[in-house]
Amino acid sequence: MMKRKLIVLLGFIGLIVLLFFYFKSDNILSQNETSLINDEKFQNGDIVFHISNSEQSEAIQLATKSEYSHCGLIYKKENDFFVVEAIQPVCLTPLDDWIARGEKGHYVVKRLKNAHQILTPDILKKMKMEGEKFIGKNYDFNFNWNDDKIYCSELVWKIYKRATGIEIGKLEKLGDFDLTNNNVKTILEKRYGKNIPINEIVISPASIFICSLLYTVNEN
């Protein structure tokens, strides 16, 4: 009788040990799966930033107090990644080319915090459709808020707003920026003469970059 109880007890203990390791391994697997998802370098809807080599890049950095002067939206087409960006004209640029074009090849990728919930296949399709409406449009050197021409951060902001209803970054006025630096003044006078539209609504790469709705997923 005692021998049978001992066998039953040992069997019960063995079962508990097996269950413990089963659930522990299952939990580790889940953590690994999650980390693989979070560690993906690029996804549709990601926003990528770099320092442009354009004439106005330094002026943008100085006026907005930002390290980065250019941004675009990651666009996956089949197995390749592109950047929807407002340059001259608005276009789809292969991601590798976009990265190489930035200063020292440096870039930062940011992602919507709850992207897995909000950026559904239907929403991503809508974002692509919104982006494609701008393809071929001229770059807006005067930073107007209409759709006739468009600049980089305006493109990103409007695609997100129109496809998801989410405002990525705070809208400001041109006069909210630091326009006192000589480099900035030179660019502004070149664009506007003496009539600088300080009340024009604008969205800067800096405002998108620091938006609390985003988090950094990748940088080099």
N, C-alpha and C. Protein backbone atom coordinates (compact mmCIF):
# COMPACT_ATOMS: atom_id res chain seq x y z
N MET A 1 0.84 -1.21 0.00
CA MET A 1 0.00 0.00 0.00
C MET A 1 0.88 1.26 0.00
N MET A 2 1.87 1.27 0.86
CA MET A 2 2.77 2.41 0.94
C MET A 2 3.54 2.59 -0.37
N LYS A 3 3.89 1.44 -0.98
CA LYS A 3 4.64 1.48 -2.22
C LYS A 3 3.80 2.10 -3.33
N ARG A 4 2.49 1.74 -3.36
CA ARG A 4 1.61 2.29 -4.39
C ARG A 4 1.43 3.80 -4.19
N LYS A 5 1.29 4.24 -2.92
CA LYS A 5 1.15 5.68 -2.64
C LYS A 5 2.39 6.44 -3.07
N LEU A 6 3.56 5.81 -2.83
CA LEU A 6 4.81 6.46 -3.21
C LEU A 6 4.90 6.63 -4.73
N ILE A 7 4.46 5.58 -5.45
CA ILE A 7 4.49 5.65 -6.92
C ILE A 7 3.55 6.74 -7.43
N VAL A 8 2.35 6.81 -6.83
CA VAL A 8 1.37 7.83 -7.23
C VAL A 8 1.92 9.23 -6.94
N LEU A 9 2.55 9.41 -5.78
CA LEU A 9 3.11 10.70 -5.39
C LEU A 9 4.21 11.12 -6.34
N LEU A 10 5.11 10.17 -6.66
CA LEU A 10 6.20 10.49 -7.58
C LEU A 10 5.67 10.83 -8.97
N GLY A 11 4.61 10.11 -9.37
CA GLY A 11 4.00 10.39 -10.67
C GLY A 11 3.39 11.79 -10.70
N PHE A 12 2.75 12.16 -9.57
CA PHE A 12 2.12 13.48 -9.47
C PHE A 12 3.18 14.59 -9.53
N ILE A 13 4.29 14.36 -8.80
CA ILE A 13 5.38 15.33 -8.80
C ILE A 13 5.97 15.47 -10.20
N GLY A 14 6.13 14.33 -10.87
CA GLY A 14 6.66 14.34 -12.23
C GLY A 14 5.78 15.12 -13.18
N LEU A 15 4.45 14.95 -13.00
CA LEU A 15 3.50 15.68 -13.85
C LEU A 15 3.62 17.18 -13.64
N ILE A 16 3.76 17.59 -12.37
CA ILE A 16 3.90 19.02 -12.05
C ILE A 16 5.17 19.58 -12.69
N VAL A 17 6.27 18.81 -12.61
CA VAL A 17 7.53 19.25 -13.20
C VAL A 17 7.40 19.42 -14.71
N LEU A 18 6.73 18.45 -15.35
CA LEU A 18 6.54 18.51 -16.80
C LEU A 18 5.71 19.73 -17.20
N LEU A 19 4.64 19.97 -16.43
CA LEU A 19 3.78 21.13 -16.72
C LEU A 19 4.54 22.44 -16.54
N PHE A 20 5.38 22.49 -15.49
CA PHE A 20 6.18 23.69 -15.23
C PHE A 20 7.07 24.02 -16.41
N PHE A 21 7.80 23.01 -16.91
CA PHE A 21 8.71 23.25 -18.02
C PHE A 21 7.97 23.52 -19.32
N TYR A 22 6.78 22.92 -19.46
CA TYR A 22 5.98 23.15 -20.66
C TYR A 22 5.55 24.61 -20.75
N PHE A 23 4.98 25.11 -19.64
CA PHE A 23 4.50 26.49 -19.65
C PHE A 23 5.65 27.49 -19.69
N LYS A 24 6.76 27.14 -19.05
CA LYS A 24 7.91 28.01 -19.09
C LYS A 24 8.47 28.13 -20.50
N SER A 25 8.58 26.99 -21.20
CA SER A 25 9.09 27.02 -22.56
C SER A 25 8.13 27.73 -23.50
N ASP A 26 6.81 27.54 -23.25
CA ASP A 26 5.80 28.21 -24.07
C ASP A 26 5.89 29.72 -23.89
N ASN A 27 6.14 30.15 -22.63
CA ASN A 27 6.25 31.58 -22.36
C ASN A 27 7.49 32.17 -23.02
N ILE A 28 8.60 31.43 -22.99
CA ILE A 28 9.83 31.88 -23.63
C ILE A 28 9.63 32.01 -25.13
N LEU A 29 8.91 31.03 -25.72
CA LEU A 29 8.64 31.08 -27.15
C LEU A 29 7.82 32.31 -27.49
N SER A 30 6.81 32.59 -26.67
CA SER A 30 5.97 33.77 -26.92
C SER A 30 6.79 35.05 -26.85
N GLN A 31 7.71 35.12 -25.85
CA GLN A 31 8.56 36.29 -25.72
C GLN A 31 9.46 36.44 -26.94
N ASN A 32 9.99 35.32 -27.42
CA ASN A 32 10.87 35.37 -28.57
C ASN A 32 10.12 35.80 -29.82
N GLU A 33 8.88 35.29 -29.98
CA GLU A 33 8.07 35.67 -31.12
C GLU A 33 7.78 37.17 -31.08
N THR A 34 7.46 37.68 -29.89
CA THR A 34 7.17 39.10 -29.75
C THR A 34 8.39 39.94 -30.08
N SER A 35 9.55 39.49 -29.57
CA SER A 35 10.76 40.27 -29.80
C SER A 35 11.13 40.27 -31.28
N LEU A 36 10.86 39.16 -31.98
CA LEU A 36 11.14 39.13 -33.41
C LEU A 36 10.28 40.13 -34.15
N ILE A 37 9.01 40.24 -33.72
CA ILE A 37 8.12 41.21 -34.35
C ILE A 37 8.63 42.62 -34.08
N ASN A 38 8.97 42.89 -32.83
CA ASN A 38 9.41 44.24 -32.45
C ASN A 38 10.76 44.61 -33.05
N ASP A 39 11.57 43.59 -33.36
CA ASP A 39 12.91 43.85 -33.86
C ASP A 39 12.96 43.98 -35.39
N GLU A 40 11.84 43.83 -36.06
CA GLU A 40 11.85 44.00 -37.51
C GLU A 40 12.32 45.42 -37.82
N LYS A 41 13.25 45.53 -38.72
CA LYS A 41 13.86 46.83 -38.97
C LYS A 41 12.93 47.78 -39.69
N PHE A 42 12.13 47.25 -40.61
CA PHE A 42 11.26 48.10 -41.40
C PHE A 42 9.88 47.46 -41.57
N GLN A 43 8.86 48.29 -41.52
CA GLN A 43 7.50 47.84 -41.77
C GLN A 43 6.75 48.92 -42.54
N ASN A 44 5.72 48.51 -43.25
CA ASN A 44 4.84 49.47 -43.90
C ASN A 44 4.33 50.48 -42.88
N GLY A 45 4.39 51.74 -43.23
CA GLY A 45 3.87 52.77 -42.33
C GLY A 45 4.91 53.36 -41.40
N ASP A 46 6.12 52.80 -41.36
CA ASP A 46 7.20 53.38 -40.57
C ASP A 46 7.60 54.73 -41.17
N ILE A 47 8.11 55.59 -40.32
CA ILE A 47 8.57 56.91 -40.78
C ILE A 47 10.10 56.95 -40.61
N VAL A 48 10.79 57.31 -41.66
CA VAL A 48 12.25 57.28 -41.64
C VAL A 48 12.79 58.70 -41.79
N PHE A 49 13.84 58.99 -41.02
CA PHE A 49 14.43 60.33 -40.96
C PHE A 49 15.92 60.27 -41.31
N HIS A 50 16.40 61.31 -41.95
CA HIS A 50 17.84 61.47 -42.11
C HIS A 50 18.18 62.95 -42.29
N ILE A 51 19.47 63.23 -42.41
CA ILE A 51 19.93 64.60 -42.64
C ILE A 51 20.16 64.76 -44.13
N SER A 52 19.36 65.59 -44.73
CA SER A 52 19.43 65.79 -46.17
C SER A 52 20.68 66.58 -46.55
N ASN A 53 21.12 66.39 -47.77
CA ASN A 53 22.24 67.17 -48.30
C ASN A 53 21.75 68.33 -49.16
N SER A 54 20.47 68.68 -49.02
CA SER A 54 19.90 69.75 -49.82
C SER A 54 20.38 71.11 -49.34
N GLU A 55 20.14 72.12 -50.15
CA GLU A 55 20.55 73.49 -49.84
C GLU A 55 19.91 74.00 -48.56
N GLN A 56 18.66 73.60 -48.31
CA GLN A 56 17.92 74.14 -47.18
C GLN A 56 18.05 73.30 -45.91
N SER A 57 18.78 72.20 -45.96
CA SER A 57 18.85 71.27 -44.84
C SER A 57 19.31 71.95 -43.54
N GLU A 58 20.41 72.68 -43.61
CA GLU A 58 20.94 73.31 -42.39
C GLU A 58 19.96 74.34 -41.84
N ALA A 59 19.31 75.07 -42.74
CA ALA A 59 18.34 76.08 -42.31
C ALA A 59 17.18 75.43 -41.56
N ILE A 60 16.72 74.29 -42.06
CA ILE A 60 15.64 73.56 -41.39
C ILE A 60 16.09 73.10 -40.01
N GLN A 61 17.30 72.59 -39.92
CA GLN A 61 17.83 72.14 -38.63
C GLN A 61 17.93 73.30 -37.64
N LEU A 62 18.41 74.44 -38.12
CA LEU A 62 18.58 75.59 -37.24
C LEU A 62 17.23 76.16 -36.80
N ALA A 63 16.31 76.28 -37.73
CA ALA A 63 15.01 76.89 -37.42
C ALA A 63 14.16 76.01 -36.51
N THR A 64 14.26 74.68 -36.68
CA THR A 64 13.41 73.77 -35.90
C THR A 64 14.12 73.13 -34.72
N LYS A 65 15.42 73.45 -34.56
CA LYS A 65 16.21 72.89 -33.46
C LYS A 65 16.23 71.36 -33.52
N SER A 66 16.41 70.84 -34.71
CA SER A 66 16.35 69.39 -34.91
C SER A 66 17.60 68.89 -35.61
N GLU A 67 17.99 67.67 -35.28
CA GLU A 67 19.13 67.06 -35.97
C GLU A 67 18.75 66.66 -37.38
N TYR A 68 17.47 66.32 -37.58
CA TYR A 68 17.03 65.75 -38.85
C TYR A 68 16.25 66.77 -39.68
N SER A 69 16.48 66.73 -40.98
CA SER A 69 15.88 67.73 -41.87
C SER A 69 14.97 67.12 -42.93
N HIS A 70 14.92 65.80 -43.02
CA HIS A 70 14.11 65.17 -44.07
C HIS A 70 13.49 63.88 -43.54
N CYS A 71 12.28 63.60 -44.01
CA CYS A 71 11.61 62.35 -43.60
C CYS A 71 10.75 61.83 -44.73
N GLY A 72 10.41 60.56 -44.63
CA GLY A 72 9.55 59.91 -45.62
C GLY A 72 8.85 58.73 -44.99
N LEU A 73 8.00 58.09 -45.76
CA LEU A 73 7.17 57.00 -45.26
C LEU A 73 7.58 55.69 -45.92
N ILE A 74 7.81 54.67 -45.10
CA ILE A 74 8.19 53.36 -45.63
C ILE A 74 7.02 52.73 -46.39
N TYR A 75 7.31 52.20 -47.55
CA TYR A 75 6.31 51.62 -48.44
C TYR A 75 6.87 50.28 -48.93
N LYS A 76 6.22 49.19 -48.54
CA LYS A 76 6.68 47.87 -48.98
C LYS A 76 5.91 47.44 -50.22
N LYS A 77 6.65 47.14 -51.25
CA LYS A 77 6.05 46.73 -52.52
C LYS A 77 6.62 45.37 -52.87
N GLU A 78 5.75 44.34 -52.76
CA GLU A 78 6.17 42.95 -52.89
C GLU A 78 7.22 42.67 -51.82
N ASN A 79 8.45 42.36 -52.19
CA ASN A 79 9.47 42.07 -51.18
C ASN A 79 10.49 43.19 -51.01
N ASP A 80 10.23 44.32 -51.64
CA ASP A 80 11.18 45.42 -51.59
C ASP A 80 10.61 46.61 -50.82
N PHE A 81 11.50 47.35 -50.17
CA PHE A 81 11.09 48.53 -49.42
C PHE A 81 11.45 49.81 -50.18
N PHE A 82 10.51 50.75 -50.16
CA PHE A 82 10.70 52.06 -50.78
C PHE A 82 10.37 53.13 -49.75
N VAL A 83 10.69 54.37 -50.09
CA VAL A 83 10.30 55.51 -49.27
C VAL A 83 9.46 56.45 -50.14
N VAL A 84 8.23 56.72 -49.70
CA VAL A 84 7.43 57.75 -50.34
C VAL A 84 7.95 59.07 -49.79
N GLU A 85 8.48 59.91 -50.65
CA GLU A 85 9.10 61.14 -50.16
C GLU A 85 8.80 62.32 -51.08
N ALA A 86 8.75 63.49 -50.47
CA ALA A 86 8.58 64.72 -51.22
C ALA A 86 9.94 65.33 -51.47
N ILE A 87 10.46 65.07 -52.68
CA ILE A 87 11.63 65.79 -53.17
C ILE A 87 11.14 66.45 -54.46
N GLN A 88 11.97 66.59 -55.45
CA GLN A 88 11.50 67.18 -56.70
C GLN A 88 11.59 66.15 -57.82
N PRO A 89 10.46 65.52 -58.22
CA PRO A 89 9.12 65.67 -57.62
C PRO A 89 8.91 64.60 -56.55
N VAL A 90 7.68 64.52 -56.01
CA VAL A 90 7.33 63.46 -55.06
C VAL A 90 7.48 62.12 -55.77
N CYS A 91 8.10 61.16 -55.10
CA CYS A 91 8.37 59.88 -55.77
C CYS A 91 8.53 58.75 -54.76
N LEU A 92 8.64 57.53 -55.32
CA LEU A 92 8.99 56.35 -54.54
C LEU A 92 10.47 56.09 -54.76
N THR A 93 11.24 56.11 -53.69
CA THR A 93 12.68 55.90 -53.78
C THR A 93 13.04 54.59 -53.10
N PRO A 94 13.82 53.72 -53.76
CA PRO A 94 14.27 52.50 -53.07
C PRO A 94 14.92 52.85 -51.73
N LEU A 95 14.57 52.12 -50.70
CA LEU A 95 15.03 52.44 -49.35
C LEU A 95 16.55 52.52 -49.27
N ASP A 96 17.26 51.58 -49.90
CA ASP A 96 18.73 51.61 -49.86
C ASP A 96 19.28 52.91 -50.45
N ASP A 97 18.67 53.36 -51.53
CA ASP A 97 19.11 54.62 -52.15
C ASP A 97 18.82 55.80 -51.24
N TRP A 98 17.65 55.75 -50.58
CA TRP A 98 17.26 56.84 -49.69
C TRP A 98 18.24 56.96 -48.52
N ILE A 99 18.59 55.81 -47.96
CA ILE A 99 19.54 55.80 -46.84
C ILE A 99 20.91 56.32 -47.28
N ALA A 100 21.37 55.85 -48.43
CA ALA A 100 22.70 56.24 -48.93
C ALA A 100 22.77 57.73 -49.23
N ARG A 101 21.63 58.33 -49.56
CA ARG A 101 21.61 59.74 -49.93
C ARG A 101 21.74 60.67 -48.73
N GLY A 102 21.41 60.18 -47.54
CA GLY A 102 21.50 60.99 -46.34
C GLY A 102 22.93 61.16 -45.87
N GLU A 103 23.15 62.13 -45.01
CA GLU A 103 24.49 62.42 -44.52
C GLU A 103 25.09 61.22 -43.79
N LYS A 104 26.20 60.73 -44.28
CA LYS A 104 26.94 59.59 -43.72
C LYS A 104 26.10 58.33 -43.64
N GLY A 105 25.03 58.25 -44.41
CA GLY A 105 24.18 57.07 -44.43
C GLY A 105 23.41 56.84 -43.15
N HIS A 106 23.36 57.87 -42.30
CA HIS A 106 22.68 57.74 -41.00
C HIS A 106 21.17 57.93 -41.18
N TYR A 107 20.40 57.13 -40.45
CA TYR A 107 18.95 57.25 -40.50
C TYR A 107 18.35 56.77 -39.17
N VAL A 108 17.11 57.16 -38.93
CA VAL A 108 16.34 56.69 -37.78
C VAL A 108 14.95 56.29 -38.27
N VAL A 109 14.48 55.15 -37.80
CA VAL A 109 13.13 54.68 -38.16
C VAL A 109 12.24 54.74 -36.94
N LYS A 110 11.06 55.36 -37.10
CA LYS A 110 10.09 55.43 -36.02
C LYS A 110 8.80 54.75 -36.45
N ARG A 111 8.09 54.22 -35.44
CA ARG A 111 6.87 53.45 -35.71
C ARG A 111 5.76 53.85 -34.76
N LEU A 112 4.54 53.82 -35.24
CA LEU A 112 3.38 54.06 -34.40
C LEU A 112 3.36 53.03 -33.28
N LYS A 113 3.15 53.49 -32.04
CA LYS A 113 3.24 52.60 -30.88
C LYS A 113 2.29 51.41 -30.96
N ASN A 114 1.09 51.63 -31.44
CA ASN A 114 0.13 50.54 -31.56
C ASN A 114 -0.13 50.20 -33.02
N ALA A 115 0.95 50.18 -33.80
CA ALA A 115 0.85 49.96 -35.25
C ALA A 115 0.17 48.63 -35.57
N HIS A 116 0.43 47.60 -34.77
CA HIS A 116 -0.14 46.29 -35.05
C HIS A 116 -1.67 46.28 -34.95
N GLN A 117 -2.23 47.25 -34.22
CA GLN A 117 -3.68 47.36 -34.10
C GLN A 117 -4.28 48.32 -35.11
N ILE A 118 -3.59 49.43 -35.35
CA ILE A 118 -4.14 50.48 -36.20
C ILE A 118 -3.82 50.27 -37.69
N LEU A 119 -2.59 49.89 -37.98
CA LEU A 119 -2.18 49.76 -39.38
C LEU A 119 -2.55 48.38 -39.93
N THR A 120 -3.84 48.18 -40.05
CA THR A 120 -4.38 46.94 -40.61
C THR A 120 -4.11 46.91 -42.12
N PRO A 121 -4.27 45.76 -42.76
CA PRO A 121 -4.08 45.71 -44.22
C PRO A 121 -4.93 46.74 -44.97
N ASP A 122 -6.16 46.95 -44.52
CA ASP A 122 -7.03 47.93 -45.19
C ASP A 122 -6.50 49.35 -45.01
N ILE A 123 -6.03 49.66 -43.80
CA ILE A 123 -5.50 51.00 -43.54
C ILE A 123 -4.21 51.22 -44.32
N LEU A 124 -3.35 50.21 -44.36
CA LEU A 124 -2.10 50.34 -45.12
C LEU A 124 -2.38 50.54 -46.60
N LYS A 125 -3.41 49.86 -47.10
CA LYS A 125 -3.81 50.04 -48.50
C LYS A 125 -4.27 51.47 -48.73
N LYS A 126 -5.02 52.00 -47.76
CA LYS A 126 -5.50 53.38 -47.85
C LYS A 126 -4.33 54.37 -47.80
N MET A 127 -3.34 54.08 -46.95
CA MET A 127 -2.17 54.94 -46.87
C MET A 127 -1.42 54.96 -48.20
N LYS A 128 -1.29 53.80 -48.81
CA LYS A 128 -0.61 53.74 -50.10
C LYS A 128 -1.36 54.53 -51.15
N MET A 129 -2.69 54.42 -51.13
CA MET A 129 -3.51 55.17 -52.09
C MET A 129 -3.35 56.67 -51.89
N GLU A 130 -3.33 57.10 -50.61
CA GLU A 130 -3.16 58.52 -50.32
C GLU A 130 -1.79 59.00 -50.79
N GLY A 131 -0.78 58.18 -50.55
CA GLY A 131 0.58 58.55 -50.98
C GLY A 131 0.70 58.65 -52.48
N GLU A 132 0.07 57.71 -53.18
CA GLU A 132 0.18 57.68 -54.64
C GLU A 132 -0.51 58.88 -55.29
N LYS A 133 -1.45 59.50 -54.58
CA LYS A 133 -2.10 60.71 -55.11
C LYS A 133 -1.11 61.86 -55.28
N PHE A 134 -0.03 61.81 -54.48
CA PHE A 134 0.94 62.90 -54.51
C PHE A 134 2.11 62.63 -55.45
N ILE A 135 2.25 61.39 -55.92
CA ILE A 135 3.38 61.05 -56.78
C ILE A 135 3.40 61.97 -58.02
N GLY A 136 4.55 62.55 -58.27
CA GLY A 136 4.71 63.44 -59.42
C GLY A 136 4.47 64.91 -59.12
N LYS A 137 3.91 65.21 -57.93
CA LYS A 137 3.70 66.62 -57.58
C LYS A 137 5.05 67.29 -57.29
N ASN A 138 5.10 68.58 -57.54
CA ASN A 138 6.33 69.33 -57.29
C ASN A 138 6.56 69.53 -55.80
N TYR A 139 7.82 69.65 -55.45
CA TYR A 139 8.19 69.97 -54.07
C TYR A 139 7.78 71.40 -53.75
N ASP A 140 7.28 71.61 -52.54
CA ASP A 140 6.81 72.93 -52.14
C ASP A 140 7.90 73.69 -51.39
N PHE A 141 8.65 74.51 -52.11
CA PHE A 141 9.73 75.28 -51.50
C PHE A 141 9.21 76.43 -50.63
N ASN A 142 7.93 76.75 -50.77
CA ASN A 142 7.35 77.85 -49.99
C ASN A 142 6.56 77.37 -48.77
N PHE A 143 6.49 76.05 -48.60
CA PHE A 143 5.85 75.45 -47.42
C PHE A 143 4.40 75.91 -47.23
N ASN A 144 3.64 75.94 -48.33
CA ASN A 144 2.22 76.24 -48.23
C ASN A 144 1.46 75.00 -47.79
N TRP A 145 0.28 75.20 -47.17
CA TRP A 145 -0.46 74.07 -46.60
C TRP A 145 -1.47 73.47 -47.57
N ASN A 146 -1.51 73.94 -48.80
CA ASN A 146 -2.43 73.32 -49.77
C ASN A 146 -1.76 72.11 -50.43
N ASP A 147 -2.51 71.43 -51.29
CA ASP A 147 -1.99 70.20 -51.91
C ASP A 147 -1.40 70.43 -53.30
N ASP A 148 -1.32 71.69 -53.74
CA ASP A 148 -0.80 71.95 -55.08
C ASP A 148 0.65 71.46 -55.20
N LYS A 149 1.43 71.77 -54.20
CA LYS A 149 2.80 71.27 -54.07
C LYS A 149 2.92 70.76 -52.65
N ILE A 150 3.98 70.01 -52.36
CA ILE A 150 4.06 69.42 -51.01
C ILE A 150 5.51 69.22 -50.59
N TYR A 151 5.78 69.37 -49.29
CA TYR A 151 7.13 69.13 -48.76
C TYR A 151 7.12 67.88 -47.90
N CYS A 152 8.30 67.45 -47.46
CA CYS A 152 8.47 66.09 -46.92
C CYS A 152 7.60 65.77 -45.72
N SER A 153 7.67 66.58 -44.68
CA SER A 153 6.91 66.28 -43.47
C SER A 153 5.41 66.49 -43.67
N GLU A 154 5.06 67.41 -44.56
CA GLU A 154 3.66 67.62 -44.90
C GLU A 154 3.08 66.36 -45.54
N LEU A 155 3.85 65.74 -46.42
CA LEU A 155 3.43 64.51 -47.08
C LEU A 155 3.15 63.41 -46.07
N VAL A 156 4.09 63.20 -45.16
CA VAL A 156 3.93 62.16 -44.12
C VAL A 156 2.71 62.46 -43.26
N TRP A 157 2.59 63.70 -42.80
CA TRP A 157 1.49 64.08 -41.92
C TRP A 157 0.14 63.88 -42.59
N LYS A 158 0.02 64.31 -43.84
CA LYS A 158 -1.26 64.23 -44.54
C LYS A 158 -1.65 62.79 -44.87
N ILE A 159 -0.69 61.95 -45.21
CA ILE A 159 -1.00 60.54 -45.46
C ILE A 159 -1.56 59.89 -44.20
N TYR A 160 -0.89 60.11 -43.07
CA TYR A 160 -1.37 59.53 -41.81
C TYR A 160 -2.73 60.09 -41.42
N LYS A 161 -2.90 61.39 -41.52
CA LYS A 161 -4.15 62.03 -41.12
C LYS A 161 -5.31 61.53 -41.97
N ARG A 162 -5.13 61.47 -43.27
CA ARG A 162 -6.21 61.13 -44.17
C ARG A 162 -6.53 59.63 -44.20
N ALA A 163 -5.53 58.80 -43.91
CA ALA A 163 -5.76 57.36 -43.94
C ALA A 163 -6.17 56.79 -42.58
N THR A 164 -5.68 57.42 -41.50
CA THR A 164 -5.93 56.86 -40.16
C THR A 164 -6.68 57.81 -39.25
N GLY A 165 -6.70 59.10 -39.59
CA GLY A 165 -7.30 60.09 -38.70
C GLY A 165 -6.36 60.55 -37.60
N ILE A 166 -5.14 60.02 -37.60
CA ILE A 166 -4.16 60.34 -36.56
C ILE A 166 -3.25 61.48 -37.01
N GLU A 167 -3.01 62.43 -36.12
CA GLU A 167 -2.11 63.54 -36.40
C GLU A 167 -0.74 63.23 -35.79
N ILE A 168 0.22 62.97 -36.66
CA ILE A 168 1.58 62.64 -36.22
C ILE A 168 2.38 63.93 -36.16
N GLY A 169 2.51 64.49 -34.98
CA GLY A 169 3.23 65.74 -34.81
C GLY A 169 2.28 66.91 -34.67
N LYS A 170 2.76 67.96 -34.05
CA LYS A 170 1.95 69.15 -33.79
C LYS A 170 2.11 70.17 -34.91
N LEU A 171 0.96 70.63 -35.43
CA LEU A 171 0.98 71.69 -36.43
C LEU A 171 1.42 73.00 -35.77
N GLU A 172 2.24 73.74 -36.48
CA GLU A 172 2.73 75.03 -35.97
C GLU A 172 2.57 76.09 -37.04
N LYS A 173 3.03 77.28 -36.74
CA LYS A 173 3.08 78.35 -37.72
C LYS A 173 4.55 78.64 -38.04
N LEU A 174 4.79 79.11 -39.23
CA LEU A 174 6.16 79.39 -39.64
C LEU A 174 6.86 80.32 -38.65
N GLY A 175 6.10 81.27 -38.11
CA GLY A 175 6.67 82.22 -37.16
C GLY A 175 7.02 81.63 -35.82
N ASP A 176 6.59 80.37 -35.55
CA ASP A 176 6.93 79.72 -34.29
C ASP A 176 8.38 79.25 -34.26
N PHE A 177 9.01 79.15 -35.42
CA PHE A 177 10.38 78.65 -35.49
C PHE A 177 11.39 79.78 -35.26
N ASP A 178 12.62 79.39 -35.03
CA ASP A 178 13.69 80.38 -34.84
C ASP A 178 14.16 80.85 -36.21
N LEU A 179 13.77 82.04 -36.58
CA LEU A 179 14.10 82.57 -37.91
C LEU A 179 15.21 83.61 -37.86
N THR A 180 15.95 83.62 -36.76
CA THR A 180 16.95 84.68 -36.54
C THR A 180 18.32 84.37 -37.14
N ASN A 181 18.63 83.10 -37.38
CA ASN A 181 19.95 82.75 -37.91
C ASN A 181 20.11 83.28 -39.34
N ASN A 182 21.30 83.73 -39.67
CA ASN A 182 21.55 84.32 -40.99
C ASN A 182 21.29 83.32 -42.13
N ASN A 183 21.64 82.07 -41.89
CA ASN A 183 21.39 81.03 -42.90
C ASN A 183 19.90 80.90 -43.15
N VAL A 184 19.12 80.90 -42.08
CA VAL A 184 17.66 80.79 -42.19
C VAL A 184 17.10 82.01 -42.90
N LYS A 185 17.59 83.20 -42.52
CA LYS A 185 17.12 84.44 -43.14
C LYS A 185 17.38 84.45 -44.64
N THR A 186 18.55 83.95 -45.03
CA THR A 186 18.91 83.91 -46.45
C THR A 186 17.94 83.05 -47.24
N ILE A 187 17.63 81.87 -46.69
CA ILE A 187 16.70 80.96 -47.37
C ILE A 187 15.31 81.58 -47.46
N LEU A 188 14.85 82.18 -46.36
CA LEU A 188 13.51 82.78 -46.34
C LEU A 188 13.40 83.94 -47.32
N GLU A 189 14.40 84.79 -47.36
CA GLU A 189 14.37 85.93 -48.27
C GLU A 189 14.42 85.46 -49.73
N LYS A 190 15.13 84.38 -49.95
CA LYS A 190 15.21 83.80 -51.30
C LYS A 190 13.85 83.28 -51.75
N ARG A 191 13.08 82.75 -50.79
CA ARG A 191 11.78 82.17 -51.11
C ARG A 191 10.67 83.22 -51.13
N TYR A 192 10.69 84.14 -50.17
CA TYR A 192 9.56 85.05 -49.97
C TYR A 192 9.87 86.52 -50.19
N GLY A 193 11.11 86.88 -50.31
CA GLY A 193 11.45 88.29 -50.33
C GLY A 193 11.26 88.85 -48.93
N LYS A 194 10.62 89.99 -48.81
CA LYS A 194 10.41 90.61 -47.50
C LYS A 194 9.08 90.21 -46.86
N ASN A 195 8.24 89.50 -47.61
CA ASN A 195 6.91 89.13 -47.12
C ASN A 195 6.86 87.69 -46.64
N ILE A 196 7.47 87.43 -45.52
CA ILE A 196 7.51 86.07 -44.97
C ILE A 196 6.16 85.75 -44.32
N PRO A 197 5.49 84.67 -44.76
CA PRO A 197 4.16 84.33 -44.24
C PRO A 197 4.25 83.64 -42.88
N ILE A 198 4.51 84.41 -41.85
CA ILE A 198 4.77 83.83 -40.53
C ILE A 198 3.56 83.10 -39.94
N ASN A 199 2.36 83.33 -40.49
CA ASN A 199 1.15 82.67 -39.99
C ASN A 199 0.79 81.42 -40.78
N GLU A 200 1.63 81.05 -41.75
CA GLU A 200 1.36 79.85 -42.54
C GLU A 200 1.48 78.61 -41.67
N ILE A 201 0.47 77.72 -41.76
CA ILE A 201 0.50 76.46 -41.01
C ILE A 201 1.58 75.55 -41.60
N VAL A 202 2.39 74.96 -40.73
CA VAL A 202 3.45 74.06 -41.18
C VAL A 202 3.57 72.88 -40.23
N ILE A 203 4.16 71.81 -40.74
CA ILE A 203 4.53 70.66 -39.91
C ILE A 203 6.00 70.36 -40.22
N SER A 204 6.82 70.29 -39.22
CA SER A 204 8.26 70.10 -39.43
C SER A 204 8.67 68.65 -39.19
N PRO A 205 9.78 68.20 -39.78
CA PRO A 205 10.31 66.88 -39.45
C PRO A 205 10.56 66.74 -37.95
N ALA A 206 10.96 67.84 -37.31
CA ALA A 206 11.24 67.80 -35.87
C ALA A 206 9.99 67.46 -35.07
N SER A 207 8.86 68.07 -35.45
CA SER A 207 7.61 67.84 -34.73
C SER A 207 7.15 66.39 -34.86
N ILE A 208 7.34 65.81 -36.05
CA ILE A 208 6.99 64.40 -36.25
C ILE A 208 7.95 63.52 -35.46
N PHE A 209 9.24 63.88 -35.50
CA PHE A 209 10.26 63.05 -34.84
C PHE A 209 10.00 62.91 -33.34
N ILE A 210 9.58 63.99 -32.68
CA ILE A 210 9.39 63.96 -31.23
C ILE A 210 7.97 63.58 -30.82
N CYS A 211 7.13 63.26 -31.79
CA CYS A 211 5.74 62.91 -31.48
C CYS A 211 5.68 61.73 -30.52
N SER A 212 4.90 61.87 -29.45
CA SER A 212 4.81 60.83 -28.42
C SER A 212 4.08 59.58 -28.90
N LEU A 213 3.45 59.64 -30.07
CA LEU A 213 2.74 58.48 -30.61
C LEU A 213 3.69 57.50 -31.30
N LEU A 214 4.94 57.91 -31.45
CA LEU A 214 5.94 57.10 -32.15
C LEU A 214 7.02 56.60 -31.20
N TYR A 215 7.67 55.52 -31.60
CA TYR A 215 8.85 55.06 -30.86
C TYR A 215 9.91 54.63 -31.88
N THR A 216 11.16 54.70 -31.47
CA THR A 216 12.27 54.36 -32.36
C THR A 216 12.43 52.84 -32.43
N VAL A 217 12.47 52.30 -33.65
CA VAL A 217 12.65 50.87 -33.81
C VAL A 217 13.99 50.51 -34.44
N ASN A 218 14.62 51.49 -35.05
CA ASN A 218 15.86 51.17 -35.76
C ASN A 218 16.62 52.45 -36.08
N GLU A 219 17.93 52.41 -35.92
CA GLU A 219 18.78 53.51 -36.36
C GLU A 219 20.20 52.98 -36.56
N ASN A 220 20.96 53.69 -37.37
CA ASN A 220 22.35 53.25 -37.57
C ASN A 220 23.31 54.39 -37.26
